């Protein structure tokens, strides 16, 4: 596994140590977990923005965020973002249901 070095100020390092102790993790695993959560949040935020701007569908946004469509729809609900339905897609879906 590749190694990456980062520089942190003393306050951030102390905060990491406190959180690591609280969760019974070593500092390395806490940093890995924080990075993973942060990357997930960045991907989700970007996907939500692209969806709101009408640049992609909910399905495409969910894929970009690396979550299921249902999880993406739940994020829309939590953030009070309306679900967009294209008129043509809606007509096709209604036709298929008939």
Foldseek 3Di string as FASTA:
>chain_A
DDDDDDDDDPVVVVVLVVVCVVVVHDSVVSVVVVVVVVVLVVQLVVLVVCVLVVNDALCVSCVSSVHHSVVSVVVCVVVVHDHDDDPVNVVVVVVVVD
